[in-house]
Protein backbone atom coordinates (compact mmCIF):
# COMPACT_ATOMS: atom_id res chain seq x y z
CA MET A 1 154.14 87.34 67.56
CA ALA A 2 153.37 84.67 69.97
CA GLU A 3 149.58 83.52 71.00
CA SER A 4 148.43 86.53 73.01
CA GLY A 5 148.09 85.86 76.83
CA ALA A 6 150.57 83.03 76.55
CA PHE A 7 153.16 83.78 79.61
CA ALA A 8 154.48 82.51 82.77
CA PRO A 9 153.73 83.68 85.68
CA ASN A 10 156.51 85.67 88.16
CA ASP A 11 155.97 82.54 90.88
CA ALA A 12 156.37 80.04 87.94
CA LEU A 13 159.48 78.97 89.05
CA ALA A 14 158.58 77.20 92.36
CA ASP A 15 157.08 74.86 89.89
CA GLU A 16 159.64 71.88 89.47
CA GLY A 17 158.18 71.00 86.01
CA TYR A 18 158.84 74.65 84.86
CA ARG A 19 162.04 75.12 85.98
CA ASP A 20 162.75 71.91 84.10
CA ALA A 21 161.44 73.09 81.18
CA VAL A 22 163.33 76.50 81.54
CA VAL A 23 166.50 74.48 82.08
CA ASP A 24 165.74 72.26 78.83
CA LEU A 25 165.44 75.30 76.54
CA LEU A 26 168.61 77.24 78.21
CA GLY A 27 170.02 74.08 77.55
CA VAL A 28 169.47 73.62 74.09
CA ILE A 29 170.09 77.45 73.44
CA SER A 30 173.17 77.07 74.86
CA TYR A 31 174.18 74.13 72.48
CA GLY A 32 172.94 75.47 69.67
CA GLU A 33 175.28 78.68 70.07
CA ILE A 34 178.56 76.49 70.48
CA SER A 35 177.43 74.56 67.38
CA ALA A 36 176.80 78.13 65.70
CA PHE A 37 180.13 79.06 67.21
CA GLU A 38 182.05 75.78 65.58
CA ARG A 39 180.02 75.91 62.15
CA LEU A 40 180.83 79.72 61.42
CA ALA A 41 184.48 79.21 62.62
CA GLU A 42 184.93 76.59 60.04
CA ASP A 43 183.40 78.50 57.06
CA ALA A 44 185.74 81.50 57.82
CA LYS A 45 188.59 79.45 56.59
CA LEU A 46 186.44 78.91 53.03
CA ALA A 47 186.06 82.84 52.91
CA PRO A 48 187.53 83.89 49.65
CA THR A 49 188.49 87.42 50.77
CA LEU A 50 190.13 88.64 54.38
CA GLN A 51 187.05 90.90 55.04
CA ASP A 52 184.63 87.90 54.85
CA LYS A 53 187.40 85.72 56.97
CA LEU A 54 187.26 88.33 59.33
CA ALA A 55 183.18 88.66 59.41
CA LEU A 56 182.88 85.06 59.87
CA GLY A 57 184.97 85.35 62.67
CA THR A 58 183.49 88.15 64.27
CA MET A 59 180.49 86.10 64.11
CA ALA A 60 181.55 82.93 65.30
CA SER A 61 183.00 84.76 68.22
CA VAL A 62 179.88 86.77 69.17
CA GLU A 63 178.08 83.03 69.52
CA LEU A 64 180.21 82.08 72.22
CA THR A 65 180.11 85.40 74.22
CA LYS A 66 176.61 84.32 74.79
CA VAL A 67 176.76 81.04 76.16
CA ALA A 68 178.04 82.38 79.87
CA ALA A 69 174.71 84.36 80.94
CA LEU A 70 172.56 81.05 79.91
CA HIS A 71 174.87 78.69 81.84
CA GLN A 72 175.01 81.19 84.63
CA ARG A 73 171.23 80.81 84.63
CA ILE A 74 171.19 76.95 84.14
CA THR A 75 173.44 77.33 87.36
CA ASP A 76 170.94 79.56 89.39
CA LEU A 77 168.16 77.33 88.68
CA GLY A 78 170.12 74.71 90.30
CA ALA A 79 170.81 72.69 87.66
CA ASP A 80 174.56 71.46 85.54
CA PRO A 81 174.68 73.47 82.27
CA PHE A 82 177.01 70.69 80.35
CA GLU A 83 174.06 68.01 81.46
CA ALA A 84 171.19 70.91 80.09
CA MET A 85 173.24 70.69 76.85
CA THR A 86 173.64 67.03 76.52
CA PRO A 87 170.02 65.64 75.58
CA PHE A 88 170.35 67.85 72.53
CA ARG A 89 173.52 67.12 71.15
CA VAL A 90 172.35 64.35 68.86
CA ALA A 91 169.75 66.37 67.52
CA ILE A 92 171.72 69.41 66.52
CA ASP A 93 174.78 67.39 65.28
CA SER A 94 172.46 65.35 62.78
CA PHE A 95 170.63 68.68 61.62
CA HIS A 96 174.10 70.07 60.60
CA ARG A 97 175.31 66.58 59.30
CA HIS A 98 172.17 66.74 56.78
CA THR A 99 172.51 70.46 56.15
CA ALA A 100 176.64 70.67 55.86
CA PRO A 101 177.30 73.54 53.29
CA SER A 102 179.34 72.61 50.32
CA ASP A 103 180.91 75.91 49.84
CA TRP A 104 181.06 79.00 52.01
CA LEU A 105 178.34 81.12 50.42
CA GLU A 106 175.85 78.17 51.21
CA GLY A 107 177.37 78.76 54.89
CA LEU A 108 176.25 82.17 54.73
CA VAL A 109 172.67 81.27 53.71
CA LYS A 110 172.53 78.83 56.30
CA ALA A 111 173.67 80.85 59.04
CA PHE A 112 170.75 83.59 57.99
CA VAL A 113 167.70 81.29 57.37
CA GLY A 114 168.72 78.40 59.16
CA ASP A 115 169.55 80.01 62.73
CA GLY A 116 166.95 82.72 62.12
CA LEU A 117 164.44 79.82 61.88
CA ALA A 118 165.75 78.39 64.92
CA ASN A 119 165.53 81.94 66.58
CA ASP A 120 161.91 82.60 65.65
CA PHE A 121 161.29 79.23 67.68
CA TYR A 122 162.96 80.09 70.89
CA ARG A 123 161.29 83.59 70.61
CA GLU A 124 157.91 81.75 70.13
CA ILE A 125 158.74 79.77 73.62
CA ALA A 126 160.05 82.97 75.29
CA ALA A 127 156.52 83.61 75.71
CA PHE A 128 155.71 81.35 77.93
CA LEU A 129 158.54 82.36 80.29
CA ASP A 130 159.07 84.01 83.61
CA PRO A 131 160.60 87.98 83.06
CA GLN A 132 164.11 87.49 83.65
CA THR A 133 164.34 84.34 81.83
CA ARG A 134 162.45 85.59 78.76
CA ASP A 135 164.98 88.63 79.09
CA LEU A 136 167.87 86.82 78.62
CA VAL A 137 166.45 84.55 75.65
CA VAL A 138 165.29 87.17 73.52
CA ALA A 139 168.52 89.12 74.27
CA SER A 140 170.51 85.90 73.37
CA LEU A 141 168.78 85.82 70.25
CA ASP A 142 169.14 89.27 69.36
CA ASP A 143 171.59 90.12 66.26
CA ASP A 144 173.41 93.18 68.14
CA GLY A 145 176.39 92.87 65.55
CA GLY A 146 174.78 94.06 62.48
CA HIS A 147 175.35 90.33 60.91
CA ALA A 148 172.38 90.15 59.39
CA THR A 149 173.24 93.27 57.17
CA TYR A 150 176.61 91.71 56.06
CA VAL A 151 175.16 88.12 55.03
CA VAL A 152 172.07 89.94 52.94
CA GLY A 153 174.67 92.65 51.53
CA ARG A 154 177.14 89.81 50.45
CA VAL A 155 174.49 87.26 49.14
CA ARG A 156 172.98 89.84 47.06
CA GLU A 157 176.25 91.05 45.81
CA LEU A 158 177.36 87.56 45.01
CA ILE A 159 174.16 86.81 43.04
CA ALA A 160 174.22 90.05 40.93
CA ALA A 161 177.68 88.92 39.37
CA ASP A 162 176.62 85.60 39.04
CA PRO A 163 173.00 85.31 38.88
CA PRO A 164 172.67 81.46 38.24
CA LEU A 165 173.79 81.35 42.13
CA GLY A 166 170.60 82.69 42.76
CA GLY A 167 168.98 79.23 41.93
CA ARG A 168 171.09 76.96 43.56
CA LEU A 169 170.90 78.74 46.78
CA ALA A 170 167.16 79.33 46.45
CA LEU A 171 166.76 75.30 46.29
CA TRP A 172 169.69 75.40 49.31
CA GLY A 173 167.24 77.84 51.22
CA ARG A 174 164.58 75.45 50.66
CA ARG A 175 166.45 72.14 52.45
CA ILE A 176 167.20 74.33 55.77
CA MET A 177 163.93 75.18 55.99
CA GLY A 178 162.66 71.57 55.79
CA GLU A 179 165.13 70.11 57.88
CA ALA A 180 165.20 73.24 60.65
CA LEU A 181 161.36 72.68 61.10
CA THR A 182 161.51 68.96 61.19
CA GLN A 183 164.58 69.65 64.14
CA ALA A 184 162.06 72.08 65.88
CA GLN A 185 159.34 69.47 65.94
CA ARG A 186 161.65 66.75 67.08
CA VAL A 187 163.35 68.83 70.03
CA ALA A 188 159.93 69.56 71.28
CA ALA A 189 158.39 66.13 70.98
CA ASP A 190 161.25 64.46 72.59
CA ARG A 191 161.23 66.71 75.71
CA ASP A 192 158.26 66.16 77.98
CA SER A 193 159.26 69.37 79.90
CA LEU A 194 159.12 71.65 76.50
CA THR A 195 156.28 70.00 75.30
CA ALA A 196 154.66 70.54 78.80
CA LEU A 197 155.68 74.31 78.24
CA LEU A 198 153.98 74.83 74.86
CA THR A 199 150.83 73.15 75.63
CA GLY A 200 150.57 74.87 79.06
CA GLY A 201 148.78 73.34 82.20
CA VAL A 202 146.07 73.66 84.85
CA ASP A 203 147.66 77.02 86.15
CA ARG A 204 149.30 78.43 83.38
CA PRO A 205 148.32 79.31 79.48
CA GLY A 206 149.44 77.47 76.77
CA LEU A 207 149.05 76.60 73.11
CA ASP A 208 146.24 73.95 71.90
CA LEU A 209 146.72 72.39 68.43
CA ALA A 210 144.94 74.90 66.71
CA ALA A 211 147.58 77.47 68.06
CA LEU A 212 150.41 75.50 67.25
CA GLY A 213 149.65 74.93 64.10
CA ARG A 214 149.61 78.99 63.84
CA MET A 215 153.09 79.14 65.42
CA PHE A 216 154.47 76.93 62.61
CA THR A 217 152.87 79.15 60.09
CA ARG A 218 154.45 81.93 61.64
CA LEU A 219 157.82 80.15 61.20
CA THR A 220 157.44 79.68 57.68
CA GLU A 221 156.28 83.02 56.72
CA ARG A 222 159.44 84.53 58.40
CA HIS A 223 161.46 82.50 56.78
CA LEU A 224 160.15 83.50 53.47
CA GLU A 225 160.82 86.84 54.64
CA ARG A 226 164.55 86.23 55.08
CA MET A 227 164.50 84.44 51.69
CA GLY A 228 163.07 87.58 50.05
CA GLU A 229 165.64 89.82 51.70
CA LEU A 230 168.56 87.40 50.52
CA GLY A 231 166.85 88.11 46.81
CA LEU A 232 166.21 84.75 46.89
CA ASP A 233 162.90 82.76 45.04
CA ALA A 234 161.46 80.88 48.13
């Protein structure tokens, strides 16, 4: 849960700096959804069964359907959606290059723990948004297709059939965790608007260094919970 009392007032959009931060946030989430679509579509080609191909293809399509609403909100705020996404391409593409899975099973784990960690980070930031934007961001991060259930069940099934897989996937999950946290910190630090959104201002609450530390602790704890759901030692 985000720090208590950390929210943007309803008239926050009158603040140009706040609007810039919202556009940045919606831009990075949008590009993240597009990247997730591309990655899952590629992983589907390597899936061993038709059922797995369909499941991954469906997951990919759901990611893409979320982009339109995010882009509409960016447009409503007077910005160009594609320009809003551009500053984040290097960081997100770099993350995916450093965490390219060696097989479709590693891709499943990455989709579950990597995307889950990113979504947790954006939910933390959502606590500082105006209600309309906050609701849009949270909706874009929801697993409304039950995909987590499929991933958890499939990974546990495969580990049960081949126990040594568990050790390899546990190491992989830890690597994803480290890279994802580094990316989250880099994205927040590289964009002054997002940093300002987190740290607040004279008329807007924010997080001090101690609260930021607690936020990253919460992100770590949720990652460990997801690893446990998959039956992997963190």
